[in-house]
N, C-alpha and C. Protein backbone atom coordinates (compact mmCIF):
# COMPACT_ATOMS: atom_id res chain seq x y z
N UNK A 1 184.39 30.22 112.21
CA UNK A 1 185.04 29.12 112.03
C UNK A 1 184.41 27.82 111.69
N UNK A 2 185.57 27.52 110.74
CA UNK A 2 184.56 26.16 110.30
C UNK A 2 184.19 24.65 110.99
N UNK A 3 183.18 24.34 110.89
CA UNK A 3 182.58 23.33 111.88
C UNK A 3 183.44 21.61 111.11
N UNK A 4 183.87 20.63 111.63
CA UNK A 4 183.98 19.83 111.03
C UNK A 4 183.05 19.12 111.55
N UNK A 5 181.98 18.27 110.38
CA UNK A 5 181.64 16.88 111.52
C UNK A 5 181.74 15.47 109.84
N UNK A 6 181.55 14.69 109.93
CA UNK A 6 181.29 13.57 109.52
C UNK A 6 180.40 12.82 110.01
N UNK A 7 179.32 11.85 108.70
CA UNK A 7 178.77 10.53 109.22
C UNK A 7 180.17 9.63 108.49
N UNK A 8 180.02 8.53 109.50
CA UNK A 8 180.57 7.39 109.09
C UNK A 8 180.05 6.25 108.92
N UNK A 9 180.21 5.33 107.23
CA UNK A 9 179.78 4.21 107.23
C UNK A 9 180.36 3.09 107.30
N UNK A 10 180.13 1.99 107.75
CA UNK A 10 181.09 0.98 107.77
C UNK A 10 180.41 -0.16 106.77
N UNK A 11 181.74 -0.32 105.57
CA UNK A 11 181.66 -1.13 104.97
C UNK A 11 181.67 -2.37 105.03
N UNK A 12 182.18 -3.18 106.53
CA UNK A 12 181.68 -3.92 106.77
C UNK A 12 180.51 -4.42 107.59
N UNK A 13 180.04 -3.60 107.94
CA UNK A 13 178.48 -3.68 108.81
C UNK A 13 177.54 -3.54 107.81
N UNK A 14 177.29 -2.45 106.89
CA UNK A 14 176.62 -2.12 106.25
C UNK A 14 175.46 -1.10 106.94
N UNK A 15 176.06 0.00 107.90
CA UNK A 15 175.26 0.39 108.44
C UNK A 15 176.31 1.73 109.23
N UNK A 16 175.41 2.31 109.32
CA UNK A 16 176.08 4.04 109.95
C UNK A 16 177.19 3.64 110.96
N UNK A 17 177.97 3.64 111.64
CA UNK A 17 177.44 4.03 112.71
C UNK A 17 177.84 5.54 113.25
N UNK A 18 177.01 5.41 114.20
CA UNK A 18 176.42 6.52 114.86
C UNK A 18 177.03 7.69 115.38
N UNK A 19 178.20 7.11 116.21
CA UNK A 19 179.07 7.62 117.53
C UNK A 19 180.48 7.73 116.53
N UNK A 20 179.97 9.25 115.31
CA UNK A 20 181.24 9.30 114.17
C UNK A 20 183.31 9.59 115.50
N UNK A 21 182.57 10.27 116.55
CA UNK A 21 183.58 10.64 117.01
C UNK A 21 184.62 9.85 118.15
N UNK A 22 184.04 8.80 117.83
CA UNK A 22 184.56 6.97 118.40
C UNK A 22 185.86 6.83 116.63
N UNK A 23 185.06 7.36 115.96
CA UNK A 23 186.18 7.06 115.24
C UNK A 23 187.14 8.28 114.80
N UNK A 24 186.57 9.72 114.92
CA UNK A 24 187.98 10.95 114.83
C UNK A 24 189.21 10.84 115.15
N UNK A 25 188.82 10.56 116.23
CA UNK A 25 190.80 10.27 116.54
C UNK A 25 191.79 9.68 115.23
N UNK A 26 191.09 8.79 115.02
CA UNK A 26 191.82 7.62 114.91
C UNK A 26 192.01 7.50 112.87
N UNK A 27 191.34 8.56 112.89
CA UNK A 27 191.34 9.30 111.15
C UNK A 27 191.92 10.25 111.15
N UNK A 28 193.79 10.16 111.21
CA UNK A 28 193.95 11.38 111.17
C UNK A 28 194.20 12.09 109.69
N UNK A 29 193.83 11.71 108.83
CA UNK A 29 193.87 12.60 107.07
C UNK A 29 192.24 12.16 107.04
N UNK A 30 192.44 13.33 106.63
CA UNK A 30 190.73 13.29 105.22
C UNK A 30 190.74 13.46 104.11
N UNK A 31 191.14 12.52 103.29
CA UNK A 31 191.90 12.38 101.63
C UNK A 31 191.20 12.07 100.48
N UNK A 32 191.02 12.04 99.96
CA UNK A 32 190.71 10.97 98.26
C UNK A 32 191.34 10.20 98.31
N UNK A 33 190.84 8.51 98.01
CA UNK A 33 190.10 8.59 98.33
C UNK A 33 189.20 8.71 99.90
N UNK A 34 188.02 8.38 99.76
CA UNK A 34 187.86 8.72 101.48
C UNK A 34 187.29 7.12 102.00
N UNK A 35 188.22 6.34 101.71
CA UNK A 35 188.14 5.39 102.15
C UNK A 35 189.07 5.10 103.15
N UNK A 36 189.16 5.28 104.35
CA UNK A 36 190.51 5.03 105.50
C UNK A 36 189.98 3.70 106.28
N UNK A 37 191.15 3.46 106.49
CA UNK A 37 191.27 1.56 107.50
C UNK A 37 191.54 2.70 108.53
N UNK A 38 190.11 1.92 109.60
CA UNK A 38 190.22 2.66 111.32
C UNK A 38 190.37 1.87 112.39
N UNK A 39 190.71 2.26 113.67
CA UNK A 39 190.75 1.47 114.39
C UNK A 39 189.84 1.82 114.85
N UNK A 40 188.93 0.73 115.55
CA UNK A 40 187.55 1.19 116.17
C UNK A 40 187.13 -0.03 117.05
N UNK A 41 187.78 -0.38 118.41
CA UNK A 41 187.69 -1.78 118.79
C UNK A 41 186.52 -2.01 120.15
N UNK A 42 185.65 -0.81 119.77
CA UNK A 42 184.28 -0.94 120.16
C UNK A 42 183.14 -1.30 119.72
N UNK A 43 183.80 -1.82 118.74
CA UNK A 43 182.52 -2.32 117.63
C UNK A 43 182.25 -3.83 117.65
N UNK A 44 181.03 -4.57 117.74
CA UNK A 44 180.43 -5.16 117.72
C UNK A 44 181.73 -6.43 116.46
N UNK A 45 181.85 -6.51 115.70
CA UNK A 45 182.50 -7.52 115.11
C UNK A 45 183.99 -7.44 115.36
N UNK A 46 185.03 -8.63 115.92
CA UNK A 46 185.77 -8.51 116.44
C UNK A 46 187.62 -8.62 115.57
N UNK A 47 186.94 -7.27 115.29
CA UNK A 47 188.32 -7.70 113.86
C UNK A 47 188.88 -6.07 114.48
N UNK A 48 190.71 -5.91 114.13
CA UNK A 48 190.89 -5.07 114.86
C UNK A 48 190.98 -3.74 113.78
N UNK A 49 191.08 -3.91 112.18
CA UNK A 49 190.64 -2.69 111.40
C UNK A 49 189.28 -3.03 110.85
N UNK A 50 188.92 -1.16 110.41
CA UNK A 50 187.86 -1.31 110.44
C UNK A 50 187.68 -0.47 108.28
N UNK A 51 187.17 -0.87 107.73
CA UNK A 51 186.32 -0.15 106.98
C UNK A 51 185.77 1.04 106.88
N UNK A 52 186.18 2.17 106.57
CA UNK A 52 184.84 3.15 106.61
C UNK A 52 184.83 4.34 105.83
N UNK A 53 183.94 4.62 105.32
CA UNK A 53 183.65 5.58 104.51
C UNK A 53 183.00 6.93 104.74
N UNK A 54 183.58 8.33 105.38
CA UNK A 54 183.44 9.52 105.59
C UNK A 54 182.93 10.24 105.09
N UNK A 55 181.60 10.83 105.04
CA UNK A 55 181.06 11.49 104.58
C UNK A 55 181.47 12.87 105.18
N UNK A 56 181.49 14.02 104.54
CA UNK A 56 181.77 15.06 105.26
C UNK A 56 180.41 16.04 105.48
N UNK A 57 180.81 17.17 106.26
CA UNK A 57 179.38 18.46 106.61
C UNK A 57 179.42 19.15 105.90
N UNK A 58 178.65 19.18 105.40
CA UNK A 58 178.41 20.66 104.02
C UNK A 58 178.97 22.20 104.77
N UNK A 59 178.09 22.04 105.90
CA UNK A 59 178.12 23.31 106.70
C UNK A 59 176.80 24.38 106.37
N UNK A 60 175.61 23.20 105.57
CA UNK A 60 174.41 24.14 105.54
C UNK A 60 173.61 22.94 105.87
N UNK A 61 172.41 23.96 106.17
CA UNK A 61 171.37 22.73 106.65
C UNK A 61 169.63 22.27 105.84
N UNK A 62 169.18 22.13 105.90
CA UNK A 62 168.45 22.12 105.04
C UNK A 62 166.53 23.19 105.66
N UNK A 63 166.00 23.29 104.94
CA UNK A 63 164.51 23.55 104.73
C UNK A 63 163.95 23.33 106.31
N UNK A 64 164.42 22.25 107.00
CA UNK A 64 163.64 22.08 108.35
C UNK A 64 165.19 22.20 109.69
N UNK A 65 166.17 22.64 108.70
CA UNK A 65 167.20 22.65 109.92
C UNK A 65 168.17 21.51 110.45
N UNK A 66 167.95 20.26 109.17
CA UNK A 66 168.86 19.45 109.69
C UNK A 66 169.99 19.09 108.99
N UNK A 67 171.05 18.94 108.98
CA UNK A 67 172.67 19.22 108.73
C UNK A 67 172.22 18.31 107.48
N UNK A 68 173.36 18.80 106.60
CA UNK A 68 173.45 18.19 105.21
C UNK A 68 175.12 17.62 105.17
N UNK A 69 174.59 16.38 104.80
CA UNK A 69 176.26 16.08 104.34
C UNK A 69 176.36 14.90 103.17
N UNK A 70 177.77 14.86 102.84
CA UNK A 70 177.76 14.47 101.38
C UNK A 70 177.22 12.72 101.57
N UNK A 71 176.43 12.50 100.18
CA UNK A 71 175.95 11.31 100.06
C UNK A 71 174.75 11.54 100.70
N UNK A 72 174.01 12.27 101.28
CA UNK A 72 172.34 12.73 101.64
C UNK A 72 171.59 13.24 100.11
N UNK A 73 170.24 12.29 100.62
CA UNK A 73 169.69 13.17 98.78
C UNK A 73 168.38 13.66 99.74
N UNK A 74 168.86 14.96 98.88
CA UNK A 74 167.41 15.57 99.20
C UNK A 74 166.00 15.48 98.19
N UNK A 75 165.70 16.10 98.92
CA UNK A 75 163.91 16.08 97.91
C UNK A 75 163.56 17.69 97.88
N UNK A 76 163.03 17.75 96.50
CA UNK A 76 162.46 19.34 96.24
C UNK A 76 161.08 19.07 96.25
N UNK A 77 160.17 20.40 96.62
CA UNK A 77 158.57 19.60 95.55
C UNK A 77 158.36 21.42 95.41
N UNK A 78 157.94 21.60 94.09
CA UNK A 78 157.17 22.74 93.68
C UNK A 78 156.09 23.10 94.41
N UNK A 79 156.39 24.76 93.93
CA UNK A 79 155.17 25.32 95.10
C UNK A 79 153.83 24.36 95.02
N UNK A 80 153.56 23.86 93.52
CA UNK A 80 152.01 23.72 93.79
C UNK A 80 151.43 22.32 94.27
N UNK A 81 152.78 21.84 95.14
CA UNK A 81 153.13 20.31 95.66
C UNK A 81 152.67 19.06 94.37
N UNK A 82 152.94 19.24 93.08
CA UNK A 82 152.68 17.84 92.24
C UNK A 82 153.94 17.74 91.63
N UNK A 83 154.87 18.70 91.75
CA UNK A 83 155.90 17.60 91.10
C UNK A 83 157.37 17.60 91.99
N UNK A 84 157.84 16.90 92.24
CA UNK A 84 159.19 16.39 93.17
C UNK A 84 160.51 16.03 92.46
N UNK A 85 161.78 16.58 92.99
CA UNK A 85 162.75 15.86 92.53
C UNK A 85 163.71 15.71 93.40
N UNK A 86 164.34 14.74 93.09
CA UNK A 86 165.55 14.20 94.64
C UNK A 86 166.97 14.35 93.77
N UNK A 87 168.01 14.91 94.80
CA UNK A 87 169.03 15.13 94.35
C UNK A 87 170.45 14.23 95.38
N UNK A 88 171.56 13.95 95.06
CA UNK A 88 172.77 13.27 95.82
C UNK A 88 173.42 14.30 95.77
N UNK A 89 173.85 14.38 97.39
CA UNK A 89 174.66 15.48 97.57
C UNK A 89 175.93 14.95 97.40
N UNK A 90 177.65 15.81 96.30
CA UNK A 90 178.62 14.67 96.53
C UNK A 90 179.88 16.42 96.66
N UNK A 91 180.76 16.14 96.57
CA UNK A 91 181.72 16.81 96.53
C UNK A 91 182.08 17.22 95.56
N UNK A 92 182.72 17.86 94.53
CA UNK A 92 183.52 18.33 93.21
C UNK A 92 184.30 19.42 93.74
N UNK A 93 185.55 18.95 93.89
CA UNK A 93 186.57 19.86 94.11
C UNK A 93 186.34 19.86 95.66
N UNK A 94 186.49 21.72 96.02
CA UNK A 94 186.39 22.09 97.27
C UNK A 94 184.96 22.66 97.89
N UNK A 95 183.42 22.29 96.87
CA UNK A 95 182.29 22.53 97.08
C UNK A 95 181.71 21.39 96.97
N UNK A 96 180.39 21.75 97.34
CA UNK A 96 179.28 20.69 96.76
C UNK A 96 178.54 20.58 96.12
N UNK A 97 178.09 19.66 95.61
CA UNK A 97 177.30 19.79 94.08
C UNK A 97 175.68 19.04 94.66
N UNK A 98 174.60 18.84 93.86
CA UNK A 98 173.87 17.81 93.84
C UNK A 98 173.27 17.64 92.90
N UNK A 99 173.51 16.35 92.41
CA UNK A 99 173.45 15.58 91.32
C UNK A 99 171.84 15.01 91.74
N UNK A 100 171.53 15.49 89.88
CA UNK A 100 169.99 15.04 89.71
C UNK A 100 169.90 14.12 88.01
N UNK A 101 169.70 12.83 88.54
CA UNK A 101 169.64 11.26 87.47
C UNK A 101 168.66 11.53 86.28
N UNK A 102 168.59 11.25 85.45
CA UNK A 102 167.81 10.80 84.54
C UNK A 102 168.15 10.74 83.23
N UNK A 103 166.86 10.18 83.24
CA UNK A 103 167.07 8.93 81.53
C UNK A 103 167.63 10.34 80.60
N UNK A 104 168.53 9.43 80.13
CA UNK A 104 168.85 10.24 78.39
C UNK A 104 168.29 9.75 77.21
N UNK A 105 167.26 10.18 76.64
CA UNK A 105 166.33 9.36 75.59
C UNK A 105 167.17 9.81 74.25
N UNK A 106 168.15 9.80 74.26
CA UNK A 106 168.93 10.08 73.31
C UNK A 106 169.81 9.44 73.06
N UNK A 107 170.46 8.40 74.42
CA UNK A 107 171.43 7.71 74.42
C UNK A 107 171.04 6.29 75.06
N UNK A 108 171.66 5.12 74.71
CA UNK A 108 170.95 3.33 75.29
C UNK A 108 172.20 2.99 75.25
N UNK A 109 172.11 2.01 76.58
CA UNK A 109 172.93 1.20 76.69
C UNK A 109 172.54 -0.27 76.84
N UNK A 110 173.73 -1.56 77.83
CA UNK A 110 172.90 -2.33 77.55
C UNK A 110 173.01 -2.92 79.66
N UNK A 111 171.33 -3.53 79.41
CA UNK A 111 171.51 -3.78 81.57
C UNK A 111 172.04 -5.45 81.24
N UNK A 112 172.38 -5.76 82.71
CA UNK A 112 172.81 -6.74 82.79
C UNK A 112 171.93 -8.10 82.73
N UNK A 113 170.74 -7.73 81.78
CA UNK A 113 170.69 -9.29 80.96
C UNK A 113 171.01 -9.28 79.25
N UNK A 114 171.32 -7.46 78.98
CA UNK A 114 172.05 -7.53 77.79
C UNK A 114 171.02 -6.72 76.25
N UNK A 115 169.76 -6.56 77.33
CA UNK A 115 168.54 -6.04 76.99
C UNK A 115 169.29 -4.38 77.19
N UNK A 116 168.94 -3.69 75.47
CA UNK A 116 169.03 -2.60 75.10
C UNK A 116 167.67 -1.26 76.02
N UNK A 117 168.80 -0.79 77.00
CA UNK A 117 168.20 0.68 77.32
C UNK A 117 167.91 2.25 77.45
N UNK A 118 167.71 2.87 77.59
CA UNK A 118 167.90 4.23 77.81
C UNK A 118 169.38 4.46 78.77
N UNK A 119 170.42 4.94 78.31
CA UNK A 119 171.39 5.48 79.38
C UNK A 119 171.08 6.76 80.31
N UNK A 120 171.85 6.82 81.64
CA UNK A 120 171.26 7.53 83.12
C UNK A 120 172.62 8.97 82.79
N UNK A 121 171.68 10.19 82.77
CA UNK A 121 172.60 10.73 83.10
C UNK A 121 172.46 11.64 84.57
N UNK A 122 173.20 12.74 83.99
CA UNK A 122 172.46 13.83 85.54
C UNK A 122 173.26 15.60 85.19
N UNK A 123 172.51 16.22 85.90
CA UNK A 123 172.66 17.58 85.88
C UNK A 123 173.53 17.56 87.25
N UNK A 124 174.28 18.89 86.93
CA UNK A 124 175.00 19.01 88.09
C UNK A 124 174.48 20.00 88.57
N UNK A 125 173.91 20.46 89.80
CA UNK A 125 173.46 21.79 90.53
C UNK A 125 174.36 22.32 92.08
N UNK A 126 174.96 23.52 92.06
CA UNK A 126 175.09 23.54 93.40
C UNK A 126 175.04 23.74 94.40
N UNK A 127 174.93 23.06 95.50
CA UNK A 127 174.20 23.43 96.26
C UNK A 127 173.42 24.12 97.45
N UNK A 128 174.11 25.58 97.10
CA UNK A 128 173.96 26.59 97.42
C UNK A 128 172.46 26.78 96.49
N UNK A 129 172.36 26.70 95.65
CA UNK A 129 171.64 26.83 95.13
C UNK A 129 170.08 26.04 95.78
N UNK A 130 170.21 25.43 95.81
CA UNK A 130 168.98 24.19 96.79
C UNK A 130 168.51 23.79 97.57
N UNK A 131 169.53 24.22 98.31
CA UNK A 131 169.08 23.98 100.07
C UNK A 131 168.61 24.34 100.86
N UNK A 132 167.87 25.00 100.47
CA UNK A 132 166.88 25.94 101.13
C UNK A 132 165.63 25.89 101.03
N UNK A 133 166.05 24.89 100.14
CA UNK A 133 164.20 24.91 99.43
C UNK A 133 164.23 23.43 99.46
N UNK A 134 164.97 22.34 100.14
CA UNK A 134 164.67 20.89 100.42
C UNK A 134 164.94 20.48 101.82
N UNK A 135 164.58 19.03 101.64
CA UNK A 135 164.74 18.60 102.99
C UNK A 135 165.04 17.13 102.59
N UNK A 136 166.50 17.01 103.67
CA UNK A 136 166.82 15.36 103.78
C UNK A 136 165.78 14.51 103.37
N UNK A 137 165.85 13.56 102.69
CA UNK A 137 164.98 12.64 103.19
C UNK A 137 165.60 11.16 103.19
N UNK A 138 167.24 11.00 103.00
CA UNK A 138 167.88 9.36 102.91
C UNK A 138 169.24 9.86 102.48
N UNK A 139 169.81 8.52 102.33
CA UNK A 139 171.28 8.75 102.00
C UNK A 139 171.61 8.09 100.86
N UNK A 140 172.74 8.38 100.17
CA UNK A 140 173.00 7.61 99.13
C UNK A 140 173.46 5.88 99.39
N UNK A 141 173.63 5.27 100.82
CA UNK A 141 174.25 4.72 101.03
C UNK A 141 173.14 3.69 101.86
N UNK A 142 172.08 4.17 102.22
CA UNK A 142 170.72 3.48 102.49
C UNK A 142 169.28 3.57 101.72
N UNK A 143 169.59 4.28 100.87
CA UNK A 143 167.97 4.76 99.63
C UNK A 143 168.61 5.24 98.82
N UNK A 144 169.49 4.71 97.81
CA UNK A 144 169.77 4.84 96.34
C UNK A 144 169.05 4.75 95.23
N UNK A 145 167.50 3.55 95.83
CA UNK A 145 166.76 4.23 94.77
C UNK A 145 165.92 5.36 94.56
N UNK A 146 166.00 6.37 95.39
CA UNK A 146 165.52 7.85 95.71
C UNK A 146 165.95 8.54 94.37
N UNK A 147 167.46 8.27 94.15
CA UNK A 147 167.85 9.27 93.06
C UNK A 147 167.86 8.35 91.82
N UNK A 148 167.55 7.18 91.21
CA UNK A 148 167.64 6.62 90.28
C UNK A 148 166.08 7.09 89.02
N UNK A 149 166.78 6.83 88.66
CA UNK A 149 165.53 7.68 87.02
C UNK A 149 164.35 6.77 87.24
């Protein structure tokens, strides 16, 4: 049987709401986009409507047995211990993939100062090819710097 679990991110408080079971009864549908308005009266900010982003459990665990959710950042280390790679877990249709961001040395773009910089590209790798050799080291909401090239 499929196990349905979520991580819930509060867009107002900019932190995870750890007791996601308080939120799920109010979330009647999981749909795209993943932004839902949820009533959570127990939270500290005195507003009735809460903007939350939900990250679905992938039904896989990392090499240490930790649950992997959408938005998690996975770290892979090669057998020699010399190289390491970081991946962002996301969904593509009805499957989960890992995005590996890297510099595209053939393409240029402009930064916020108007200066030319290399463009960023990514490769998509199915989660089932990586999860057993990786460990969860963060989340895209709290550690976005881990996946930037």
